[in-house]
Amino acid sequence: MTTVGGSSISSSSAGAGRGAWIVLPTYNEAENLPGIAAAILAALPEATLLVVDDGSPDGTGRLADDLAAVDARVRLRHRPAKQGLGRAYLDGFEIALAGGATIVIQMDADWSHDPAALPFLIGPVVDGVADLVIGSRYTRGGVVDWGVGRRLISRGGSIFARLILRLGPHDLTGGFKAWRASTLATIPFVGIHAGGYVFQIEMTFRATRLGARIVEYPITFRDRRVGQSKMSRRIVVEALVVVVQLRAEELWARVRGRQTPGTVAGVPDPVAAGEPPAEPAPAPGPDLP
């Protein structure tokens, strides 16, 4: 698992996002959606934007319908009610994979994730050097506009999960990711604990156990411009509990001589080998402004 400071784009079509699908979950993001959708498609003009709306009472779904009516690159998945961020992503992933995506990107609709970073995020996948790229706040990136409490929760959650699950990536709770579609398709979605933070952690955990090549790309994360944060105490507690549960299930399955979902025969577990999690190797290149 490596960290990159700059990514090359192999071809103009790949750099423009051909074959990429951006899965954008929304709930009450009417103020953000028109602008963020335009910025995403400006960054990756040949990509497909899939808005997954959980029945937003503020009319976000209707706005997405209007966007789709005038731009064939925009598609919409209406869901009847709020069912959690993880479920929205899994639903979107299945649609993107069925639609023939070669790269699947996940990101927030609230401007926390900069659309200008998208060509750089997909670069290592396009270049064939990564199966999953994580937009990382904890390599050479950072966070802007967060209070001390939110910083502690996010950074502490990543450190806790990294230690318990023996994972290499530094940012395990972030949701700005680019997946090689063939890698994403190998992860069994059944049984995923689809919450907020815990969904992000578990997907990286399962990708790691499947032997995926993971790269972290430094980003600057900014707090949402408008609207209210979806973070809650319940989401934080759920993440802590499920991280322990994932490790317990893995150890129990090993004791019983069975594989757990999201593992692959022949992929060594660093704990079993008595090795610490791999440290990212630094790579030259400027940070994305």
Protein backbone atom coordinates (compact mmCIF):
# COMPACT_ATOMS: atom_id res chain seq x y z
CA MET A 1 0.00 0.00 0.00
CA THR A 2 1.54 3.26 -1.13
CA THR A 3 0.96 6.96 -0.96
CA VAL A 4 1.15 9.12 -4.05
CA GLY A 5 1.44 12.88 -4.26
CA GLY A 6 0.64 13.17 -7.94
CA SER A 7 -0.94 10.84 -10.46
CA SER A 8 -0.43 10.67 -14.19
CA ILE A 9 -3.31 10.12 -16.57
CA SER A 10 -2.61 7.42 -19.14
CA SER A 11 -4.81 8.75 -21.94
CA SER A 12 -7.08 11.67 -22.65
CA SER A 13 -10.18 9.45 -22.67
CA ALA A 14 -9.28 7.84 -19.35
CA GLY A 15 -8.42 11.21 -17.87
CA ALA A 16 -11.83 12.48 -19.00
CA GLY A 17 -13.47 9.65 -17.08
CA ARG A 18 -14.56 7.31 -19.85
CA GLY A 19 -15.93 4.20 -18.20
CA ALA A 20 -16.09 5.84 -14.76
CA TRP A 21 -19.26 6.08 -12.72
CA ILE A 22 -19.53 8.46 -9.79
CA VAL A 23 -21.96 7.25 -7.12
CA LEU A 24 -23.32 10.28 -5.25
CA PRO A 25 -25.70 9.52 -2.35
CA THR A 26 -27.97 12.40 -1.37
CA TYR A 27 -30.37 13.24 1.42
CA ASN A 28 -31.54 16.84 1.67
CA GLU A 29 -28.79 18.16 -0.60
CA ALA A 30 -30.96 20.42 -2.80
CA GLU A 31 -28.70 23.40 -2.14
CA ASN A 32 -25.59 21.46 -3.11
CA LEU A 33 -26.64 19.14 -5.92
CA PRO A 34 -26.75 21.44 -8.99
CA GLY A 35 -23.32 22.90 -8.31
CA ILE A 36 -21.57 19.69 -7.29
CA ALA A 37 -23.04 17.79 -10.26
CA ALA A 38 -21.77 20.42 -12.69
CA ALA A 39 -18.32 20.41 -11.07
CA ILE A 40 -18.07 16.60 -11.17
CA LEU A 41 -18.93 16.44 -14.86
CA ALA A 42 -16.57 19.29 -15.63
CA ALA A 43 -13.74 17.32 -13.99
CA LEU A 44 -14.68 14.04 -15.72
CA PRO A 45 -16.71 15.01 -18.79
CA GLU A 46 -17.00 11.47 -20.15
CA ALA A 47 -18.10 9.90 -16.86
CA THR A 48 -21.56 8.91 -15.68
CA LEU A 49 -22.96 10.54 -12.55
CA LEU A 50 -25.37 8.35 -10.58
CA VAL A 51 -27.34 10.22 -7.92
CA VAL A 52 -28.80 7.90 -5.27
CA ASP A 53 -31.47 9.84 -3.40
CA ASP A 54 -33.15 8.52 -0.26
CA GLY A 55 -36.49 10.27 -0.71
CA SER A 56 -35.17 13.69 0.32
CA PRO A 57 -38.03 15.85 1.64
CA ASP A 58 -36.29 19.00 0.36
CA GLY A 59 -36.76 17.97 -3.28
CA THR A 60 -33.23 16.78 -4.05
CA GLY A 61 -34.66 13.87 -6.04
CA ARG A 62 -36.75 16.17 -8.21
CA LEU A 63 -33.71 18.33 -8.90
CA ALA A 64 -31.79 15.24 -9.94
CA ASP A 65 -34.63 14.30 -12.28
CA ASP A 66 -34.37 17.74 -13.87
CA LEU A 67 -30.61 17.34 -14.33
CA ALA A 68 -31.04 13.90 -15.89
CA ALA A 69 -33.67 15.24 -18.28
CA VAL A 70 -31.18 17.64 -19.87
CA ASP A 71 -27.93 15.68 -19.50
CA ALA A 72 -27.65 12.03 -20.53
CA ARG A 73 -24.57 11.63 -18.30
CA VAL A 74 -26.74 12.03 -15.18
CA ARG A 75 -28.76 9.09 -13.88
CA LEU A 76 -30.92 8.79 -10.80
CA ARG A 77 -31.82 6.05 -8.38
CA HIS A 78 -34.88 6.95 -6.30
CA ARG A 79 -35.12 5.15 -2.98
CA PRO A 80 -38.31 5.43 -0.91
CA ALA A 81 -36.77 6.50 2.40
CA LYS A 82 -33.52 7.12 4.23
CA GLN A 83 -31.83 3.75 4.71
CA GLY A 84 -28.28 4.75 5.56
CA LEU A 85 -25.23 5.86 3.61
CA GLY A 86 -23.85 2.36 3.23
CA ARG A 87 -27.05 0.97 1.72
CA ALA A 88 -27.17 3.88 -0.71
CA TYR A 89 -23.61 3.17 -1.83
CA LEU A 90 -24.18 -0.56 -2.21
CA ASP A 91 -27.29 0.11 -4.27
CA GLY A 92 -25.34 2.53 -6.44
CA PHE A 93 -22.40 0.15 -6.78
CA GLU A 94 -24.65 -2.60 -8.08
CA ILE A 95 -26.20 -0.26 -10.67
CA ALA A 96 -22.79 1.01 -11.80
CA LEU A 97 -21.37 -2.50 -12.14
CA ALA A 98 -24.43 -3.65 -14.06
CA GLY A 99 -24.07 -0.59 -16.29
CA GLY A 100 -20.58 -1.60 -17.38
CA ALA A 101 -18.47 0.73 -15.25
CA THR A 102 -14.72 0.13 -15.32
CA ILE A 103 -14.05 2.53 -12.44
CA VAL A 104 -16.50 3.28 -9.62
CA ILE A 105 -16.02 6.45 -7.60
CA GLN A 106 -17.74 7.26 -4.34
CA MET A 107 -17.92 10.77 -2.92
CA ASP A 108 -20.02 13.15 -0.84
CA ALA A 109 -22.46 15.65 -2.30
CA ASP A 110 -21.67 18.43 0.19
CA TRP A 111 -18.39 19.74 -1.34
CA SER A 112 -16.30 18.03 1.35
CA HIS A 113 -14.64 16.17 -1.51
CA ASP A 114 -13.21 18.44 -4.19
CA PRO A 115 -14.38 17.43 -7.70
CA ALA A 116 -11.13 18.89 -9.10
CA ALA A 117 -9.30 15.96 -7.47
CA LEU A 118 -11.23 13.35 -9.46
CA PRO A 119 -8.80 12.96 -12.41
CA PHE A 120 -5.95 12.49 -9.93
CA LEU A 121 -7.95 10.07 -7.79
CA ILE A 122 -8.60 7.73 -10.71
CA GLY A 123 -5.06 8.07 -12.08
CA PRO A 124 -3.50 5.08 -10.27
CA VAL A 125 -6.44 2.87 -11.32
CA VAL A 126 -6.17 4.04 -14.93
CA ASP A 127 -2.41 3.46 -14.85
CA GLY A 128 -2.91 -0.09 -13.60
CA VAL A 129 -1.02 0.38 -10.33
CA ALA A 130 -3.99 0.36 -7.92
CA ASP A 131 -7.30 -1.40 -7.39
CA LEU A 132 -8.52 1.09 -4.79
CA VAL A 133 -7.47 4.71 -4.33
CA ILE A 134 -8.41 6.43 -1.07
CA GLY A 135 -8.56 10.21 -0.93
CA SER A 136 -6.61 10.52 2.31
CA ARG A 137 -6.75 13.31 4.87
CA TYR A 138 -4.04 11.70 6.97
CA THR A 139 -1.05 11.37 4.69
CA ARG A 140 -0.06 14.78 3.36
CA GLY A 141 -3.61 16.01 3.08
CA GLY A 142 -5.63 17.58 5.85
CA VAL A 143 -8.94 18.82 7.17
CA VAL A 144 -10.29 22.37 7.08
CA ASP A 145 -13.12 23.89 9.19
CA TRP A 146 -13.46 21.01 11.66
CA GLY A 147 -13.52 21.45 15.41
CA VAL A 148 -11.25 19.54 17.75
CA GLY A 149 -13.96 17.02 18.64
CA ARG A 150 -14.70 16.06 15.05
CA ARG A 151 -11.00 15.75 14.28
CA LEU A 152 -10.48 13.44 17.26
CA ILE A 153 -13.42 11.24 16.29
CA SER A 154 -12.28 10.87 12.68
CA ARG A 155 -8.57 10.42 13.33
CA GLY A 156 -9.16 8.26 16.39
CA GLY A 157 -11.58 6.05 14.47
CA SER A 158 -9.03 5.46 11.74
CA ILE A 159 -6.26 4.67 14.22
CA PHE A 160 -8.50 2.33 16.21
CA ALA A 161 -9.63 0.43 13.11
CA ARG A 162 -6.09 0.31 11.72
CA LEU A 163 -4.76 -1.29 14.90
CA ILE A 164 -7.63 -3.72 15.52
CA LEU A 165 -7.96 -4.86 11.91
CA ARG A 166 -4.25 -4.65 11.11
CA LEU A 167 -4.70 -2.46 8.04
CA GLY A 168 -2.16 -0.33 6.23
CA PRO A 169 -4.12 2.73 5.00
CA HIS A 170 -4.08 5.74 7.32
CA ASP A 171 -7.52 7.13 6.42
CA LEU A 172 -10.08 4.39 6.96
CA THR A 173 -13.15 6.53 7.68
CA GLY A 174 -13.01 8.73 4.57
CA GLY A 175 -15.52 8.27 1.77
CA PHE A 176 -13.67 9.67 -1.26
CA LYS A 177 -12.56 6.56 -3.15
CA ALA A 178 -11.97 5.22 -6.65
CA TRP A 179 -12.44 1.49 -7.19
CA ARG A 180 -11.37 -0.71 -10.06
CA ALA A 181 -14.76 -2.16 -10.97
CA SER A 182 -13.46 -5.73 -11.23
CA THR A 183 -12.10 -5.45 -7.67
CA LEU A 184 -15.31 -3.99 -6.30
CA ALA A 185 -17.27 -6.79 -7.96
CA THR A 186 -15.33 -9.44 -6.01
CA ILE A 187 -16.49 -8.07 -2.63
CA PRO A 188 -19.63 -9.84 -1.42
CA PHE A 189 -22.14 -7.12 -0.54
CA VAL A 190 -24.29 -9.51 1.46
CA GLY A 191 -23.44 -9.13 5.12
CA ILE A 192 -21.79 -5.71 4.83
CA HIS A 193 -22.48 -3.64 7.94
CA ALA A 194 -23.89 -0.70 6.03
CA GLY A 195 -23.63 2.30 8.32
CA GLY A 196 -21.66 5.49 8.00
CA TYR A 197 -18.04 5.35 9.14
CA VAL A 198 -18.22 1.61 9.57
CA PHE A 199 -19.17 1.10 5.93
CA GLN A 200 -16.03 2.91 4.79
CA ILE A 201 -13.86 0.90 7.17
CA GLU A 202 -15.38 -2.44 6.27
CA MET A 203 -15.10 -1.98 2.51
CA THR A 204 -11.39 -1.20 2.80
CA PHE A 205 -10.98 -4.13 5.20
CA ARG A 206 -12.57 -6.55 2.77
CA ALA A 207 -10.63 -5.16 -0.18
CA THR A 208 -7.40 -5.62 1.78
CA ARG A 209 -8.22 -9.21 2.66
CA LEU A 210 -8.91 -9.86 -1.02
CA GLY A 211 -5.39 -8.73 -1.85
CA ALA A 212 -6.32 -5.43 -3.49
CA ARG A 213 -3.55 -2.95 -4.26
CA ILE A 214 -4.43 0.17 -2.27
CA VAL A 215 -3.04 3.66 -2.78
CA GLU A 216 -3.71 6.79 -0.72
CA TYR A 217 -3.87 10.11 -2.54
CA PRO A 218 -3.50 13.21 -0.32
CA ILE A 219 -6.57 15.47 -0.28
CA THR A 220 -7.75 18.46 1.69
CA PHE A 221 -11.14 17.76 3.22
CA ARG A 222 -13.40 20.76 3.79
CA ASP A 223 -16.50 20.79 5.95
CA ARG A 224 -19.80 21.01 4.09
CA ARG A 225 -20.66 24.41 2.59
CA VAL A 226 -24.37 24.30 3.33
CA GLY A 227 -26.79 21.92 5.04
CA GLN A 228 -26.37 19.84 8.16
CA SER A 229 -23.87 17.11 8.93
CA LYS A 230 -25.22 13.54 9.07
CA MET A 231 -22.72 12.56 11.80
CA SER A 232 -24.22 11.24 15.03
CA ARG A 233 -23.12 9.53 18.24
CA ARG A 234 -24.90 6.37 17.13
CA ILE A 235 -22.79 6.17 13.96
CA VAL A 236 -19.58 6.51 15.98
CA VAL A 237 -20.57 3.84 18.49
CA GLU A 238 -21.69 1.53 15.70
CA ALA A 239 -18.31 1.87 14.01
CA LEU A 240 -16.39 0.96 17.17
CA VAL A 241 -18.58 -2.07 17.82
CA VAL A 242 -18.47 -3.37 14.25
CA VAL A 243 -14.68 -3.00 13.97
CA VAL A 244 -14.28 -5.30 16.96
CA GLN A 245 -16.93 -7.62 15.55
CA LEU A 246 -15.13 -7.88 12.19
CA ARG A 247 -11.90 -8.90 13.85
CA ALA A 248 -13.65 -11.33 16.18
CA GLU A 249 -15.45 -12.96 13.26
CA GLU A 250 -12.18 -13.28 11.36
CA LEU A 251 -10.37 -14.87 14.29
CA TRP A 252 -13.27 -17.21 15.06
CA ALA A 253 -13.44 -18.33 11.44
CA ARG A 254 -9.72 -19.06 11.51
CA VAL A 255 -10.12 -21.13 14.66
CA ARG A 256 -12.89 -23.12 12.99
CA GLY A 257 -10.82 -23.46 9.82
CA ARG A 258 -13.18 -21.48 7.60
CA GLN A 259 -12.78 -18.39 5.46
CA THR A 260 -14.82 -15.29 6.18
CA PRO A 261 -16.55 -13.27 3.44
CA GLY A 262 -14.07 -10.87 1.89
CA THR A 263 -11.04 -13.12 2.28
CA VAL A 264 -9.09 -14.98 -0.36
CA ALA A 265 -7.11 -18.16 -0.03
CA GLY A 266 -3.43 -17.48 -0.39
CA VAL A 267 -3.62 -13.86 0.79
CA PRO A 268 -1.58 -13.78 4.01
CA ASP A 269 -2.92 -12.08 7.11
CA PRO A 270 -0.19 -9.86 8.61
CA VAL A 271 -1.26 -10.87 12.11
CA ALA A 272 -0.80 -14.54 11.33
CA ALA A 273 2.62 -13.78 9.90
CA GLY A 274 3.54 -11.72 12.96
CA GLU A 275 4.05 -8.59 10.86
CA PRO A 276 2.86 -5.06 11.61
CA PRO A 277 0.66 -3.25 9.05
CA ALA A 278 2.64 -2.00 6.07
CA GLU A 279 3.68 1.64 6.13
CA PRO A 280 3.00 3.60 2.96
CA ALA A 281 6.09 4.34 0.91
CA PRO A 282 6.46 8.06 0.16
CA ALA A 283 6.41 9.08 -3.48
CA PRO A 284 7.47 12.38 -5.02
CA GLY A 285 5.07 14.84 -6.53
CA PRO A 286 3.18 17.94 -5.47
CA ASP A 287 -0.01 17.82 -3.42
CA LEU A 288 -3.16 18.77 -5.26
CA PRO A 289 -4.01 22.36 -4.30
